[in-house]
Amino acid sequence: MTGLTDMIRLQRRTFDVAKRREIIYDIQRHISQQAYDLFDASVSAVGAWAPYVKNYGPNIGHDVGGRLMTAWLDR
């Protein structure tokens, strides 16, 4: 078996459960050997606000206006 497509076709045509399970395990091994590790940039953000700011909480995203619509100052 050379490619993933051939392996998938073979497991479709195999009716013996034990043999089919082994072919599926081979497919999983093949896919895991082809997978690459991708690392994306991550951002850390720290939020702080005064104790008199009420009903506000940190939220990862760009919708600052939506979060400020419900916030209020208790002074």
N, C-alpha and C. Protein backbone atom coordinates (compact mmCIF):
# COMPACT_ATOMS: atom_id res chain seq x y z
N MET A 1 0.85 -1.18 0.00
CA MET A 1 0.00 0.00 0.00
C MET A 1 0.89 1.24 0.00
N THR A 2 0.59 2.13 -0.87
CA THR A 2 1.45 3.30 -1.00
C THR A 2 0.82 4.56 -0.43
N GLY A 3 -0.42 4.79 -0.74
CA GLY A 3 -1.01 6.05 -0.30
C GLY A 3 -2.21 5.87 0.59
N LEU A 4 -2.62 6.95 1.16
CA LEU A 4 -3.75 6.95 2.07
C LEU A 4 -5.03 6.53 1.35
N THR A 5 -5.21 7.00 0.13
CA THR A 5 -6.41 6.64 -0.62
C THR A 5 -6.48 5.13 -0.84
N ASP A 6 -5.36 4.52 -1.18
CA ASP A 6 -5.33 3.07 -1.37
C ASP A 6 -5.67 2.33 -0.08
N MET A 7 -5.17 2.85 1.03
CA MET A 7 -5.43 2.22 2.32
C MET A 7 -6.92 2.31 2.68
N ILE A 8 -7.51 3.47 2.41
CA ILE A 8 -8.93 3.65 2.71
C ILE A 8 -9.78 2.73 1.83
N ARG A 9 -9.42 2.63 0.56
CA ARG A 9 -10.16 1.74 -0.34
C ARG A 9 -10.04 0.29 0.10
N LEU A 10 -8.85 -0.10 0.55
CA LEU A 10 -8.65 -1.47 1.00
C LEU A 10 -9.51 -1.80 2.21
N GLN A 11 -9.56 -0.87 3.18
CA GLN A 11 -10.36 -1.15 4.38
C GLN A 11 -11.84 -1.19 4.05
N ARG A 12 -12.27 -0.44 3.03
CA ARG A 12 -13.68 -0.50 2.62
C ARG A 12 -14.03 -1.87 2.05
N ARG A 13 -13.08 -2.48 1.36
CA ARG A 13 -13.33 -3.75 0.69
C ARG A 13 -13.08 -4.97 1.58
N THR A 14 -12.56 -4.74 2.77
CA THR A 14 -12.24 -5.83 3.68
C THR A 14 -13.43 -6.09 4.61
N PHE A 15 -13.91 -7.32 4.60
CA PHE A 15 -15.07 -7.66 5.41
C PHE A 15 -14.70 -8.34 6.72
N ASP A 16 -13.49 -8.87 6.81
CA ASP A 16 -13.04 -9.50 8.05
C ASP A 16 -12.77 -8.39 9.07
N VAL A 17 -13.47 -8.46 10.19
CA VAL A 17 -13.41 -7.38 11.18
C VAL A 17 -12.00 -7.19 11.73
N ALA A 18 -11.32 -8.25 12.06
CA ALA A 18 -9.97 -8.15 12.63
C ALA A 18 -8.99 -7.55 11.61
N LYS A 19 -9.09 -8.01 10.34
CA LYS A 19 -8.21 -7.45 9.31
C LYS A 19 -8.52 -5.98 9.06
N ARG A 20 -9.80 -5.66 9.04
CA ARG A 20 -10.20 -4.27 8.82
C ARG A 20 -9.70 -3.37 9.94
N ARG A 21 -9.77 -3.85 11.19
CA ARG A 21 -9.27 -3.09 12.33
C ARG A 21 -7.77 -2.82 12.18
N GLU A 22 -7.01 -3.82 11.75
CA GLU A 22 -5.57 -3.63 11.55
C GLU A 22 -5.28 -2.63 10.44
N ILE A 23 -6.09 -2.65 9.40
CA ILE A 23 -5.91 -1.68 8.31
C ILE A 23 -6.21 -0.27 8.82
N ILE A 24 -7.24 -0.13 9.62
CA ILE A 24 -7.58 1.18 10.19
C ILE A 24 -6.46 1.66 11.10
N TYR A 25 -5.88 0.75 11.89
CA TYR A 25 -4.74 1.14 12.73
C TYR A 25 -3.57 1.58 11.86
N ASP A 26 -3.35 0.89 10.74
CA ASP A 26 -2.29 1.31 9.81
C ASP A 26 -2.58 2.70 9.24
N ILE A 27 -3.84 2.96 8.94
CA ILE A 27 -4.22 4.28 8.43
C ILE A 27 -3.94 5.35 9.48
N GLN A 28 -4.29 5.06 10.73
CA GLN A 28 -4.04 6.04 11.80
C GLN A 28 -2.55 6.28 11.99
N ARG A 29 -1.74 5.21 11.93
CA ARG A 29 -0.29 5.39 12.04
C ARG A 29 0.25 6.22 10.88
N HIS A 30 -0.24 5.93 9.69
CA HIS A 30 0.21 6.67 8.50
C HIS A 30 -0.12 8.17 8.64
N ILE A 31 -1.35 8.47 9.05
CA ILE A 31 -1.76 9.87 9.21
C ILE A 31 -0.94 10.54 10.31
N SER A 32 -0.70 9.84 11.41
CA SER A 32 0.06 10.46 12.51
C SER A 32 1.50 10.74 12.11
N GLN A 33 2.05 9.94 11.21
CA GLN A 33 3.42 10.19 10.74
C GLN A 33 3.47 11.34 9.76
N GLN A 34 2.34 11.66 9.13
CA GLN A 34 2.30 12.76 8.17
C GLN A 34 1.94 14.09 8.82
N ALA A 35 1.52 14.05 10.07
CA ALA A 35 1.09 15.28 10.75
C ALA A 35 2.31 16.09 11.18
N TYR A 36 2.17 17.37 11.12
CA TYR A 36 3.23 18.27 11.54
C TYR A 36 2.75 19.10 12.71
N ASP A 37 3.67 19.50 13.56
CA ASP A 37 3.33 20.37 14.68
C ASP A 37 3.31 21.80 14.19
N LEU A 38 2.20 22.46 14.41
CA LEU A 38 2.07 23.86 14.05
C LEU A 38 1.87 24.67 15.32
N PHE A 39 2.66 25.67 15.48
CA PHE A 39 2.55 26.53 16.64
C PHE A 39 2.16 27.91 16.18
N ASP A 40 1.10 28.41 16.73
CA ASP A 40 0.62 29.73 16.39
C ASP A 40 1.00 30.68 17.52
N ALA A 41 1.08 31.92 17.19
CA ALA A 41 1.41 32.92 18.20
C ALA A 41 0.27 33.03 19.20
N SER A 42 0.60 33.21 20.44
CA SER A 42 -0.43 33.43 21.45
C SER A 42 -0.17 34.76 22.14
N VAL A 43 -1.22 35.38 22.54
CA VAL A 43 -1.13 36.71 23.14
C VAL A 43 -1.64 36.62 24.57
N SER A 44 -0.90 37.19 25.47
CA SER A 44 -1.36 37.28 26.85
C SER A 44 -1.82 38.71 27.11
N ALA A 45 -2.95 38.83 27.73
CA ALA A 45 -3.46 40.15 28.06
C ALA A 45 -3.87 40.17 29.52
N VAL A 46 -3.61 41.27 30.17
CA VAL A 46 -3.98 41.43 31.57
C VAL A 46 -5.01 42.55 31.65
N GLY A 47 -6.08 42.29 32.35
CA GLY A 47 -7.11 43.31 32.51
C GLY A 47 -7.21 43.73 33.96
N ALA A 48 -7.35 45.01 34.19
CA ALA A 48 -7.52 45.53 35.55
C ALA A 48 -8.43 46.75 35.47
N TRP A 49 -9.27 46.89 36.47
CA TRP A 49 -10.15 48.03 36.50
C TRP A 49 -10.38 48.42 37.95
N ALA A 50 -10.84 49.64 38.13
CA ALA A 50 -11.06 50.17 39.47
C ALA A 50 -12.23 49.45 40.14
N PRO A 51 -12.23 49.37 41.48
CA PRO A 51 -13.29 48.64 42.17
C PRO A 51 -14.67 49.26 42.01
N TYR A 52 -14.75 50.53 41.63
CA TYR A 52 -16.07 51.14 41.45
C TYR A 52 -16.65 50.89 40.06
N VAL A 53 -15.92 50.22 39.17
CA VAL A 53 -16.46 49.83 37.87
C VAL A 53 -17.22 48.52 38.07
N LYS A 54 -18.49 48.53 37.80
CA LYS A 54 -19.36 47.37 38.06
C LYS A 54 -19.84 46.76 36.73
N ASN A 55 -20.13 45.47 36.81
CA ASN A 55 -20.68 44.71 35.69
C ASN A 55 -19.73 44.70 34.48
N TYR A 56 -18.46 44.67 34.72
CA TYR A 56 -17.47 44.61 33.65
C TYR A 56 -16.58 43.41 33.91
N GLY A 57 -16.22 42.72 32.87
CA GLY A 57 -15.32 41.58 33.01
C GLY A 57 -14.46 41.44 31.78
N PRO A 58 -13.33 40.83 31.92
CA PRO A 58 -12.45 40.66 30.77
C PRO A 58 -13.06 39.69 29.76
N ASN A 59 -12.79 39.95 28.51
CA ASN A 59 -13.29 39.11 27.44
C ASN A 59 -12.28 39.16 26.31
N ILE A 60 -11.85 38.01 25.84
CA ILE A 60 -10.90 37.99 24.74
C ILE A 60 -11.67 38.28 23.47
N GLY A 61 -11.32 39.32 22.81
CA GLY A 61 -12.00 39.69 21.57
C GLY A 61 -11.84 41.18 21.31
N HIS A 62 -12.50 41.63 20.27
CA HIS A 62 -12.35 43.02 19.87
C HIS A 62 -13.60 43.84 20.12
N ASP A 63 -14.59 43.26 20.78
CA ASP A 63 -15.85 43.94 21.01
C ASP A 63 -15.83 44.67 22.35
N VAL A 64 -15.08 45.76 22.43
CA VAL A 64 -15.00 46.51 23.67
C VAL A 64 -16.31 47.25 23.91
N GLY A 65 -16.93 47.76 22.87
CA GLY A 65 -18.17 48.51 23.02
C GLY A 65 -19.28 47.67 23.62
N GLY A 66 -19.38 46.42 23.21
CA GLY A 66 -20.42 45.55 23.74
C GLY A 66 -20.24 45.30 25.22
N ARG A 67 -19.01 45.19 25.68
CA ARG A 67 -18.76 44.97 27.11
C ARG A 67 -19.02 46.23 27.91
N LEU A 68 -18.76 47.40 27.31
CA LEU A 68 -18.95 48.65 28.03
C LEU A 68 -20.41 49.09 28.07
N MET A 69 -21.26 48.53 27.23
CA MET A 69 -22.67 48.90 27.24
C MET A 69 -23.35 48.52 28.56
N THR A 70 -22.88 47.46 29.20
CA THR A 70 -23.52 47.03 30.44
C THR A 70 -22.74 47.46 31.69
N ALA A 71 -21.58 48.03 31.51
CA ALA A 71 -20.78 48.45 32.65
C ALA A 71 -21.31 49.78 33.21
N TRP A 72 -21.11 49.98 34.49
CA TRP A 72 -21.51 51.22 35.12
C TRP A 72 -20.57 51.54 36.27
N LEU A 73 -20.55 52.83 36.65
CA LEU A 73 -19.66 53.31 37.71
C LEU A 73 -20.46 53.48 38.99
N ASP A 74 -19.97 52.93 40.08
CA ASP A 74 -20.62 53.03 41.38
C ASP A 74 -19.83 54.01 42.23
N ARG A 75 -20.10 55.30 42.06
CA ARG A 75 -19.38 56.33 42.81
C ARG A 75 -20.32 57.13 43.66
